[in-house]
Amino acid sequence: MASHKFVALDSWRGIAALTVAFGHLKTSGFLSTLPVASGSYRFVDFFFVLSGFVIAHSSGVRIASKRGEIWPFFIRRIARLWPLHLFVLGLFAAYRVLLAIAKILGLRAGSAAFEGEFALAWLPANLTMTQAWGFLPMATWNEPAWSISAEFAAYITFALCHAAFGARGWIALAVIGALAAMFTLLHPRVMQATYDLALVRCLLSFSAGVLAYIA
């Protein structure tokens, strides 16, 4: 098990997290007009690259050498992503329930409780962190969680490549990354995609991180 800790990457992770959070801070003042706010979404791609690098370091050899490690890997990844995602999704759901109750009581509650992006039909995908896998027609419920959904898919791809090809799993990821890069050249909007082409965007950056580690 790899034990080396990349302190510099932890520092950059903190800076990137603050920058992304700043980008989501919508104000009526000059802060939201700063270039760092409008371009903060780029740091999401940095997170994907960083994730590929760290996952390759911590789990690549283990899965490649012992395919049974794929299940502990999945459990660890789900345990890291899903609880907080579920908690925030629960807050959204609780608020929508309050809106529904207010409407039943005849109170003015603004928008309908479970329509549009908050339709109950979109909940299963959000609960399973698959809402950004390209089969929903819009961003739904907790919209920023698209990145968690995309990264979850990248984890699955990473594990399957190494379980299937062993130590050469990185080559399969390189091919996937190359295909994602070619698709992005043809469709540049991929680098701003969320719910629709998020997988392409994430796999492009994630595979780059894996290759950076291998190199």
Protein backbone atom coordinates (compact mmCIF):
# COMPACT_ATOMS: atom_id res chain seq x y z
CA MET A 1 0.00 0.00 0.00
CA ALA A 2 1.43 3.34 -1.05
CA SER A 3 2.12 5.60 1.90
CA HIS A 4 3.74 8.64 0.36
CA LYS A 5 1.78 11.82 0.92
CA PHE A 6 1.91 14.62 -1.63
CA VAL A 7 1.80 17.69 0.61
CA ALA A 8 1.94 20.12 -2.31
CA LEU A 9 -1.12 18.50 -3.87
CA ASP A 10 -3.04 18.89 -0.61
CA SER A 11 -2.25 22.60 -0.69
CA TRP A 12 -3.43 22.94 -4.26
CA ARG A 13 -6.55 20.95 -3.43
CA GLY A 14 -7.42 23.53 -0.78
CA ILE A 15 -6.79 26.46 -3.12
CA ALA A 16 -8.88 24.86 -5.87
CA ALA A 17 -11.74 24.08 -3.47
CA LEU A 18 -11.86 27.69 -2.26
CA THR A 19 -11.78 28.94 -5.85
CA VAL A 20 -14.66 26.70 -6.93
CA ALA A 21 -16.66 27.75 -3.86
CA PHE A 22 -15.96 31.39 -4.71
CA GLY A 23 -17.30 30.81 -8.20
CA HIS A 24 -20.57 29.51 -6.76
CA LEU A 25 -20.89 32.57 -4.53
CA LYS A 26 -23.35 34.74 -6.42
CA THR A 27 -23.39 38.35 -5.26
CA SER A 28 -24.76 41.60 -6.61
CA GLY A 29 -21.40 43.30 -6.11
CA PHE A 30 -18.10 43.33 -7.97
CA LEU A 31 -16.89 40.01 -6.52
CA SER A 32 -18.96 37.97 -8.97
CA THR A 33 -17.54 39.96 -11.87
CA LEU A 34 -13.91 39.14 -11.10
CA PRO A 35 -12.13 36.87 -13.61
CA VAL A 36 -11.38 34.35 -10.87
CA ALA A 37 -15.14 33.93 -10.33
CA SER A 38 -16.06 33.51 -13.98
CA GLY A 39 -13.19 31.11 -14.61
CA SER A 40 -13.43 29.12 -11.40
CA TYR A 41 -15.10 26.20 -13.17
CA ARG A 42 -11.69 25.34 -14.65
CA PHE A 43 -10.57 24.22 -11.22
CA VAL A 44 -13.11 21.41 -11.39
CA ASP A 45 -11.04 19.96 -14.22
CA PHE A 46 -7.96 20.41 -12.06
CA PHE A 47 -9.69 18.32 -9.40
CA PHE A 48 -10.31 15.58 -11.96
CA VAL A 49 -6.62 15.57 -12.95
CA LEU A 50 -5.57 15.54 -9.31
CA SER A 51 -7.99 12.71 -8.57
CA GLY A 52 -6.56 10.58 -11.39
CA PHE A 53 -3.03 11.16 -10.11
CA VAL A 54 -3.87 10.30 -6.49
CA ILE A 55 -6.01 7.26 -7.32
CA ALA A 56 -3.31 5.88 -9.62
CA HIS A 57 -0.82 6.27 -6.78
CA SER A 58 -2.98 4.77 -4.04
CA SER A 59 -4.88 2.01 -5.82
CA GLY A 60 -3.52 1.25 -9.30
CA VAL A 61 -0.94 -1.35 -8.29
CA ARG A 62 -3.24 -3.02 -5.76
CA ILE A 63 -6.08 -3.56 -8.22
CA ALA A 64 -3.74 -4.57 -11.04
CA SER A 65 -1.97 -7.18 -8.90
CA LYS A 66 -5.04 -8.52 -7.11
CA ARG A 67 -8.37 -8.20 -8.88
CA GLY A 68 -10.27 -8.93 -5.69
CA GLU A 69 -9.18 -5.48 -4.53
CA ILE A 70 -11.71 -3.92 -6.89
CA TRP A 71 -14.51 -4.38 -4.36
CA PRO A 72 -12.72 -2.78 -1.39
CA PHE A 73 -11.79 0.02 -3.78
CA PHE A 74 -15.43 0.59 -4.71
CA ILE A 75 -16.50 0.50 -1.07
CA ARG A 76 -13.87 3.07 -0.10
CA ARG A 77 -14.81 5.38 -2.95
CA ILE A 78 -18.53 5.15 -2.22
CA ALA A 79 -17.91 5.71 1.48
CA ARG A 80 -15.95 8.83 0.61
CA LEU A 81 -18.48 10.34 -1.81
CA TRP A 82 -21.95 9.10 -1.00
CA PRO A 83 -22.65 10.06 2.68
CA LEU A 84 -22.14 13.80 2.21
CA HIS A 85 -23.88 13.71 -1.16
CA LEU A 86 -26.86 11.94 0.44
CA PHE A 87 -26.95 14.45 3.30
CA VAL A 88 -27.08 17.46 0.97
CA LEU A 89 -29.62 15.75 -1.27
CA GLY A 90 -31.69 15.09 1.84
CA LEU A 91 -31.67 18.80 2.65
CA PHE A 92 -32.96 19.59 -0.82
CA ALA A 93 -35.65 16.94 -0.50
CA ALA A 94 -36.72 18.20 2.94
CA TYR A 95 -37.11 21.72 1.58
CA ARG A 96 -39.23 20.49 -1.33
CA VAL A 97 -41.42 18.54 1.10
CA LEU A 98 -41.94 21.73 3.10
CA LEU A 99 -42.99 23.50 -0.09
CA ALA A 100 -45.50 20.72 -0.81
CA ILE A 101 -46.91 20.95 2.72
CA ALA A 102 -47.20 24.72 2.43
CA LYS A 103 -49.15 24.34 -0.80
CA ILE A 104 -51.51 21.81 0.83
CA LEU A 105 -52.12 24.29 3.63
CA GLY A 106 -52.95 26.97 1.10
CA LEU A 107 -49.84 29.03 1.73
CA ARG A 108 -47.88 30.81 -0.96
CA ALA A 109 -44.83 28.63 -1.55
CA GLY A 110 -43.36 29.92 -4.79
CA SER A 111 -42.50 27.23 -7.32
CA ALA A 112 -44.09 23.80 -7.38
CA ALA A 113 -42.43 21.36 -4.99
CA PHE A 114 -41.59 18.45 -7.30
CA GLU A 115 -41.55 19.73 -10.85
CA GLY A 116 -38.85 20.62 -13.37
CA GLU A 117 -35.34 19.96 -12.07
CA PHE A 118 -36.80 18.75 -8.77
CA ALA A 119 -39.11 16.12 -10.23
CA LEU A 120 -39.27 12.90 -8.25
CA ALA A 121 -38.41 10.99 -11.42
CA TRP A 122 -34.85 12.35 -11.21
CA LEU A 123 -34.28 11.23 -7.62
CA PRO A 124 -33.12 7.63 -8.31
CA ALA A 125 -30.29 8.86 -10.54
CA ASN A 126 -29.24 11.38 -7.91
CA LEU A 127 -29.40 8.80 -5.14
CA THR A 128 -27.11 6.48 -7.11
CA MET A 129 -24.76 9.29 -8.20
CA THR A 130 -25.48 8.61 -11.88
CA GLN A 131 -27.25 11.90 -12.64
CA ALA A 132 -24.40 13.18 -14.84
CA TRP A 133 -24.03 10.06 -16.95
CA GLY A 134 -25.85 11.60 -19.88
CA PHE A 135 -29.33 10.10 -19.65
CA LEU A 136 -31.14 12.97 -17.87
CA PRO A 137 -32.47 15.92 -19.90
CA MET A 138 -31.27 18.61 -17.52
CA ALA A 139 -29.25 19.35 -14.40
CA THR A 140 -31.32 18.12 -11.47
CA TRP A 141 -31.61 18.54 -7.71
CA ASN A 142 -28.17 19.42 -6.33
CA GLU A 143 -26.68 20.68 -9.60
CA PRO A 144 -23.02 21.06 -8.48
CA ALA A 145 -23.01 17.35 -7.57
CA TRP A 146 -22.62 16.54 -11.29
CA SER A 147 -18.86 16.50 -10.66
CA ILE A 148 -19.24 13.80 -7.98
CA SER A 149 -21.33 11.74 -10.38
CA ALA A 150 -18.76 12.10 -13.16
CA GLU A 151 -15.87 11.26 -10.84
CA PHE A 152 -17.73 8.19 -9.59
CA ALA A 153 -17.88 6.99 -13.20
CA ALA A 154 -14.15 7.67 -13.58
CA TYR A 155 -13.44 5.52 -10.51
CA ILE A 156 -15.44 2.67 -12.02
CA THR A 157 -13.60 3.02 -15.34
CA PHE A 158 -10.23 3.10 -13.59
CA ALA A 159 -10.97 -0.02 -11.56
CA LEU A 160 -12.34 -1.99 -14.50
CA CYS A 161 -9.36 -1.10 -16.71
CA HIS A 162 -6.86 -2.28 -14.11
CA ALA A 163 -8.87 -5.36 -13.20
CA ALA A 164 -9.15 -6.33 -16.87
CA PHE A 165 -5.65 -5.47 -18.09
CA GLY A 166 -3.57 -5.64 -14.91
CA ALA A 167 -0.44 -3.50 -14.95
CA ARG A 168 -1.36 -2.35 -18.48
CA GLY A 169 -4.60 -0.81 -17.29
CA TRP A 170 -3.09 2.62 -17.70
CA ILE A 171 -2.85 1.96 -21.46
CA ALA A 172 -6.61 1.40 -21.63
CA LEU A 173 -7.11 4.63 -19.71
CA ALA A 174 -4.75 6.40 -22.12
CA VAL A 175 -6.88 5.20 -25.05
CA ILE A 176 -10.05 6.39 -23.31
CA GLY A 177 -8.39 9.74 -22.59
CA ALA A 178 -7.30 10.08 -26.22
CA LEU A 179 -10.82 9.37 -27.46
CA ALA A 180 -12.19 11.93 -24.99
CA ALA A 181 -9.63 14.47 -26.22
CA MET A 182 -10.59 13.92 -29.87
CA PHE A 183 -14.26 14.26 -29.03
CA THR A 184 -13.53 17.48 -27.13
CA LEU A 185 -11.66 18.92 -30.12
CA LEU A 186 -14.77 18.33 -32.21
CA HIS A 187 -17.12 19.58 -29.48
CA PRO A 188 -15.28 22.22 -27.40
CA ARG A 189 -18.33 22.79 -25.21
CA VAL A 190 -17.40 19.56 -23.44
CA MET A 191 -15.09 21.60 -21.19
CA GLN A 192 -18.12 23.45 -19.88
CA ALA A 193 -20.43 20.44 -19.76
CA THR A 194 -22.14 19.29 -16.59
CA TYR A 195 -25.04 16.82 -16.69
CA ASP A 196 -24.83 15.90 -20.38
CA LEU A 197 -21.21 15.39 -21.44
CA ALA A 198 -19.71 15.33 -17.97
CA LEU A 199 -18.29 11.84 -18.43
CA VAL A 200 -16.21 12.91 -21.42
CA ARG A 201 -14.98 15.98 -19.59
CA CYS A 202 -14.07 14.03 -16.46
CA LEU A 203 -12.44 11.06 -18.20
CA LEU A 204 -10.28 13.42 -20.26
CA SER A 205 -8.84 15.07 -17.16
CA PHE A 206 -8.86 11.99 -14.93
CA SER A 207 -6.91 9.93 -17.46
CA ALA A 208 -4.44 12.81 -17.83
CA GLY A 209 -3.86 12.64 -14.09
CA VAL A 210 -3.26 8.88 -14.25
CA LEU A 211 -0.77 9.33 -17.11
CA ALA A 212 0.97 12.13 -15.22
CA TYR A 213 1.55 9.71 -12.36
CA ILE A 214 2.75 6.92 -14.63
CA ALA A 215 5.14 9.29 -16.34
